Amino acid sequence: MGMYEDGGAGFGAARRGLWVEEPAERWRMPDPVRSSAVRAVLIVAVTLTEATITFFLTLTGSWLAFPMALGAIAGTVVATWGVLDVLITRQTWNQRYGVVSQPSSTARARRRERRQARREVRSGAAGAAGRIRQQQVGQGGRRSPWSPPVGDRRYQASSGRG
């Protein structure tokens, strides 16, 4: 029996394919950050390779050891720049385009409790002072011919938050 055979389950039995899509555990990095990270990894790999070759050339006493050492020092500076570029690009991306924020269940429960408390305070104050009329009054004491849509928040009075 071969490695990918289904063990005699029958000719028409469902088989698991070789390639199965699984959901990603993390979000994909934004394109500028990913390209910066790839660039940094390549630069660091070349620098480490160059440093290793420099070490072995130094052990053998080759004349190439000194020029390669200078190149390895320059490569270290460039590799440091590459890694910092990844960090700066990532931070810039997060500041410009925001971070996906998913509050935890405890934060959600606390917000729900605060909203409930505010509603109770408002309903108690509104019952004592009376409700503000929702109808708009035009000139001459008549109702305005246009009334804002009920579900549209753009036409409601602002609560003072931006």
C-alpha atoms as a PDB file:
ATOM      1  CA  MET A   1       0.000   0.000   0.000  1.00  0.00           C
ATOM      2  CA  GLY A   2       1.362   3.415  -0.963  1.00  0.00           C
ATOM      3  CA  MET A   3       1.919   6.364   1.313  1.00  0.00           C
ATOM      4  CA  TYR A   4      -1.127   8.341   0.124  1.00  0.00           C
ATOM      5  CA  GLU A   5      -3.608   5.524  -0.320  1.00  0.00           C
ATOM      6  CA  ASP A   6      -6.703   5.492   1.854  1.00  0.00           C
ATOM      7  CA  GLY A   7      -6.194   2.011   3.320  1.00  0.00           C
ATOM      8  CA  GLY A   8      -8.924   0.163   1.428  1.00  0.00           C
ATOM      9  CA  ALA A   9     -11.829   2.414   2.400  1.00  0.00           C
ATOM     10  CA  GLY A  10     -13.310   1.890  -1.037  1.00  0.00           C
ATOM     11  CA  PHE A  11     -13.080   3.433  -4.474  1.00  0.00           C
ATOM     12  CA  GLY A  12     -15.520   6.291  -3.883  1.00  0.00           C
ATOM     13  CA  ALA A  13     -14.416   7.140  -0.338  1.00  0.00           C
ATOM     14  CA  ALA A  14     -13.565  10.741   0.473  1.00  0.00           C
ATOM     15  CA  ARG A  15      -9.842  11.312   0.682  1.00  0.00           C
ATOM     16  CA  ARG A  16      -7.910  14.076   2.313  1.00  0.00           C
ATOM     17  CA  GLY A  17      -5.913  15.946  -0.285  1.00  0.00           C
ATOM     18  CA  LEU A  18      -2.223  16.629  -0.082  1.00  0.00           C
ATOM     19  CA  TRP A  19      -2.826  20.368   0.227  1.00  0.00           C
ATOM     20  CA  VAL A  20      -5.269  21.425   2.934  1.00  0.00           C
ATOM     21  CA  GLU A  21      -5.972  25.113   3.547  1.00  0.00           C
ATOM     22  CA  GLU A  22      -5.812  25.999   7.199  1.00  0.00           C
ATOM     23  CA  PRO A  23      -6.745  29.389   8.632  1.00  0.00           C
ATOM     24  CA  ALA A  24      -3.803  31.599   9.460  1.00  0.00           C
ATOM     25  CA  GLU A  25      -3.127  32.199  13.136  1.00  0.00           C
ATOM     26  CA  ARG A  26      -1.807  35.710  12.500  1.00  0.00           C
ATOM     27  CA  TRP A  27      -2.679  38.455  10.068  1.00  0.00           C
ATOM     28  CA  ARG A  28      -0.467  38.880   7.038  1.00  0.00           C
ATOM     29  CA  MET A  29       2.077  41.670   7.299  1.00  0.00           C
ATOM     30  CA  PRO A  30       1.392  44.767   5.176  1.00  0.00           C
ATOM     31  CA  ASP A  31       3.297  44.844   1.882  1.00  0.00           C
ATOM     32  CA  PRO A  32       5.806  47.608   2.773  1.00  0.00           C
ATOM     33  CA  VAL A  33       6.647  45.922   6.068  1.00  0.00           C
ATOM     34  CA  ARG A  34       7.002  42.508   4.438  1.00  0.00           C
ATOM     35  CA  SER A  35       9.264  43.811   1.658  1.00  0.00           C
ATOM     36  CA  SER A  36      11.373  45.625   4.253  1.00  0.00           C
ATOM     37  CA  ALA A  37      11.629  42.430   6.326  1.00  0.00           C
ATOM     38  CA  VAL A  38      12.661  40.360   3.295  1.00  0.00           C
ATOM     39  CA  ARG A  39      15.289  42.952   2.415  1.00  0.00           C
ATOM     40  CA  ALA A  40      16.633  42.898   5.983  1.00  0.00           C
ATOM     41  CA  VAL A  41      16.802  39.097   6.083  1.00  0.00           C
ATOM     42  CA  LEU A  42      18.746  38.990   2.813  1.00  0.00           C
ATOM     43  CA  ILE A  43      21.179  41.679   3.994  1.00  0.00           C
ATOM     44  CA  VAL A  44      21.752  39.931   7.329  1.00  0.00           C
ATOM     45  CA  ALA A  45      22.280  36.581   5.570  1.00  0.00           C
ATOM     46  CA  VAL A  46      24.877  38.059   3.219  1.00  0.00           C
ATOM     47  CA  THR A  47      26.605  39.816   6.107  1.00  0.00           C
ATOM     48  CA  LEU A  48      26.792  36.643   8.203  1.00  0.00           C
ATOM     49  CA  THR A  49      28.141  34.706   5.241  1.00  0.00           C
ATOM     50  CA  GLU A  50      30.730  37.410   4.622  1.00  0.00           C
ATOM     51  CA  ALA A  51      31.741  37.430   8.292  1.00  0.00           C
ATOM     52  CA  THR A  52      32.154  33.642   8.268  1.00  0.00           C
ATOM     53  CA  ILE A  53      34.313  33.761   5.143  1.00  0.00           C
ATOM     54  CA  THR A  54      36.359  36.572   6.718  1.00  0.00           C
ATOM     55  CA  PHE A  55      36.946  34.458   9.812  1.00  0.00           C
ATOM     56  CA  PHE A  56      38.199  31.502   7.784  1.00  0.00           C
ATOM     57  CA  LEU A  57      40.390  33.736   5.602  1.00  0.00           C
ATOM     58  CA  THR A  58      41.910  35.211   8.750  1.00  0.00           C
ATOM     59  CA  LEU A  59      42.689  31.724  10.068  1.00  0.00           C
ATOM     60  CA  THR A  60      44.476  30.806   6.852  1.00  0.00           C
ATOM     61  CA  GLY A  61      46.400  34.081   6.752  1.00  0.00           C
ATOM     62  CA  SER A  62      45.138  35.045   3.314  1.00  0.00           C
ATOM     63  CA  TRP A  63      45.670  38.546   1.914  1.00  0.00           C
ATOM     64  CA  LEU A  64      41.887  38.740   1.336  1.00  0.00           C
ATOM     65  CA  ALA A  65      41.206  38.748   5.086  1.00  0.00           C
ATOM     66  CA  PHE A  66      41.677  42.503   5.551  1.00  0.00           C
ATOM     67  CA  PRO A  67      39.476  43.667   2.626  1.00  0.00           C
ATOM     68  CA  MET A  68      36.833  41.129   3.650  1.00  0.00           C
ATOM     69  CA  ALA A  69      36.991  42.390   7.254  1.00  0.00           C
ATOM     70  CA  LEU A  70      36.311  45.932   6.014  1.00  0.00           C
ATOM     71  CA  GLY A  71      33.424  44.596   3.959  1.00  0.00           C
ATOM     72  CA  ALA A  72      32.059  42.700   6.963  1.00  0.00           C
ATOM     73  CA  ILE A  73      32.142  45.881   9.055  1.00  0.00           C
ATOM     74  CA  ALA A  74      30.296  47.793   6.341  1.00  0.00           C
ATOM     75  CA  GLY A  75      27.856  44.892   6.019  1.00  0.00           C
ATOM     76  CA  THR A  76      27.162  45.025   9.750  1.00  0.00           C
ATOM     77  CA  VAL A  77      26.300  48.709   9.485  1.00  0.00           C
ATOM     78  CA  VAL A  78      23.996  48.047   6.516  1.00  0.00           C
ATOM     79  CA  ALA A  79      22.380  45.058   8.274  1.00  0.00           C
ATOM     80  CA  THR A  80      21.693  47.204  11.333  1.00  0.00           C
ATOM     81  CA  TRP A  81      20.085  49.799   9.062  1.00  0.00           C
ATOM     82  CA  GLY A  82      17.977  47.052   7.448  1.00  0.00           C
ATOM     83  CA  VAL A  83      16.641  45.790  10.768  1.00  0.00           C
ATOM     84  CA  LEU A  84      15.889  49.331  11.947  1.00  0.00           C
ATOM     85  CA  ASP A  85      14.113  49.927   8.628  1.00  0.00           C
ATOM     86  CA  VAL A  86      11.774  47.036   9.400  1.00  0.00           C
ATOM     87  CA  LEU A  87      10.957  48.435  12.839  1.00  0.00           C
ATOM     88  CA  ILE A  88      10.426  51.981  11.549  1.00  0.00           C
ATOM     89  CA  THR A  89       8.322  50.847   8.579  1.00  0.00           C
ATOM     90  CA  ARG A  90       6.155  48.706  10.868  1.00  0.00           C
ATOM     91  CA  GLN A  91       5.642  51.552  13.339  1.00  0.00           C
ATOM     92  CA  THR A  92       4.857  54.022  10.550  1.00  0.00           C
ATOM     93  CA  TRP A  93       2.327  51.629   9.044  1.00  0.00           C
ATOM     94  CA  ASN A  94       0.621  51.137  12.413  1.00  0.00           C
ATOM     95  CA  GLN A  95       0.436  54.884  13.034  1.00  0.00           C
ATOM     96  CA  ARG A  96      -0.908  55.709   9.566  1.00  0.00           C
ATOM     97  CA  TYR A  97      -3.373  52.912   9.014  1.00  0.00           C
ATOM     98  CA  GLY A  98      -4.191  51.893  12.568  1.00  0.00           C
ATOM     99  CA  VAL A  99      -4.107  48.646  14.419  1.00  0.00           C
ATOM    100  CA  VAL A 100      -6.927  46.143  14.488  1.00  0.00           C
ATOM    101  CA  SER A 101      -8.250  46.429  18.012  1.00  0.00           C
ATOM    102  CA  GLN A 102     -10.317  43.651  19.495  1.00  0.00           C
ATOM    103  CA  PRO A 103     -11.212  44.325  23.129  1.00  0.00           C
ATOM    104  CA  SER A 104     -11.273  41.396  25.460  1.00  0.00           C
ATOM    105  CA  SER A 105     -14.504  40.028  26.844  1.00  0.00           C
ATOM    106  CA  THR A 106     -13.858  41.675  30.220  1.00  0.00           C
ATOM    107  CA  ALA A 107     -13.503  45.085  28.584  1.00  0.00           C
ATOM    108  CA  ARG A 108     -16.719  44.468  26.673  1.00  0.00           C
ATOM    109  CA  ALA A 109     -18.544  43.529  29.869  1.00  0.00           C
ATOM    110  CA  ARG A 110     -17.291  46.634  31.682  1.00  0.00           C
ATOM    111  CA  ARG A 111     -18.396  48.861  28.810  1.00  0.00           C
ATOM    112  CA  ARG A 112     -21.804  47.205  28.870  1.00  0.00           C
ATOM    113  CA  GLU A 113     -22.096  47.877  32.617  1.00  0.00           C
ATOM    114  CA  ARG A 114     -21.109  51.545  32.176  1.00  0.00           C
ATOM    115  CA  ARG A 115     -23.646  51.990  29.364  1.00  0.00           C
ATOM    116  CA  GLN A 116     -26.352  50.411  31.509  1.00  0.00           C
ATOM    117  CA  ALA A 117     -25.509  52.738  34.424  1.00  0.00           C
ATOM    118  CA  ARG A 118     -25.609  55.800  32.116  1.00  0.00           C
ATOM    119  CA  ARG A 119     -28.986  54.717  30.752  1.00  0.00           C
ATOM    120  CA  GLU A 120     -30.377  54.365  34.256  1.00  0.00           C
ATOM    121  CA  VAL A 121     -29.073  57.807  35.236  1.00  0.00           C
ATOM    122  CA  ARG A 122     -30.524  59.345  32.064  1.00  0.00           C
ATOM    123  CA  SER A 123     -33.903  57.655  32.447  1.00  0.00           C
ATOM    124  CA  GLY A 124     -34.117  58.847  36.076  1.00  0.00           C
ATOM    125  CA  ALA A 125     -33.174  62.433  35.125  1.00  0.00           C
ATOM    126  CA  ALA A 126     -35.451  62.467  32.081  1.00  0.00           C
ATOM    127  CA  GLY A 127     -38.420  61.243  34.130  1.00  0.00           C
ATOM    128  CA  ALA A 128     -37.982  64.071  36.624  1.00  0.00           C
ATOM    129  CA  ALA A 129     -37.319  66.905  34.173  1.00  0.00           C
ATOM    130  CA  GLY A 130     -39.482  65.726  31.293  1.00  0.00           C
ATOM    131  CA  ARG A 131     -38.434  64.728  27.799  1.00  0.00           C
ATOM    132  CA  ILE A 132     -37.164  67.115  25.147  1.00  0.00           C
ATOM    133  CA  ARG A 133     -39.448  67.204  22.161  1.00  0.00           C
ATOM    134  CA  GLN A 134     -38.129  65.513  19.061  1.00  0.00           C
ATOM    135  CA  GLN A 135     -40.278  67.495  16.612  1.00  0.00           C
ATOM    136  CA  GLN A 136     -38.689  70.495  15.028  1.00  0.00           C
ATOM    137  CA  VAL A 137     -40.639  73.725  15.088  1.00  0.00           C
ATOM    138  CA  GLY A 138     -40.228  76.121  12.175  1.00  0.00           C
ATOM    139  CA  GLN A 139     -41.107  79.791  11.898  1.00  0.00           C
ATOM    140  CA  GLY A 140     -44.618  80.710  12.909  1.00  0.00           C
ATOM    141  CA  GLY A 141     -44.882  77.860  15.413  1.00  0.00           C
ATOM    142  CA  ARG A 142     -45.593  75.230  12.758  1.00  0.00           C
ATOM    143  CA  ARG A 143     -43.842  71.908  12.520  1.00  0.00           C
ATOM    144  CA  SER A 144     -41.031  71.778  10.015  1.00  0.00           C
ATOM    145  CA  PRO A 145     -41.977  70.060   6.752  1.00  0.00           C
ATOM    146  CA  TRP A 146     -38.709  68.132   6.871  1.00  0.00           C
ATOM    147  CA  SER A 147     -37.883  65.820   9.744  1.00  0.00           C
ATOM    148  CA  PRO A 148     -34.606  63.924   9.944  1.00  0.00           C
ATOM    149  CA  PRO A 149     -34.591  60.161   9.359  1.00  0.00           C
ATOM    150  CA  VAL A 150     -35.113  58.253  12.570  1.00  0.00           C
ATOM    151  CA  GLY A 151     -32.213  55.772  12.351  1.00  0.00           C
ATOM    152  CA  ASP A 152     -29.623  58.169  10.924  1.00  0.00           C
ATOM    153  CA  ARG A 153     -27.170  59.316  13.601  1.00  0.00           C
ATOM    154  CA  ARG A 154     -25.798  62.157  11.462  1.00  0.00           C
ATOM    155  CA  TYR A 155     -28.863  64.251  12.175  1.00  0.00           C
ATOM    156  CA  GLN A 156     -28.998  63.689  15.931  1.00  0.00           C
ATOM    157  CA  ALA A 157     -27.652  66.130  18.474  1.00  0.00           C
ATOM    158  CA  SER A 158     -23.966  65.639  19.219  1.00  0.00           C
ATOM    159  CA  SER A 159     -22.972  64.173  22.566  1.00  0.00           C
ATOM    160  CA  GLY A 160     -19.794  66.243  22.623  1.00  0.00           C
ATOM    161  CA  ARG A 161     -17.494  63.457  21.445  1.00  0.00           C
ATOM    162  CA  GLY A 162     -15.608  64.128  18.201  1.00  0.00           C
END
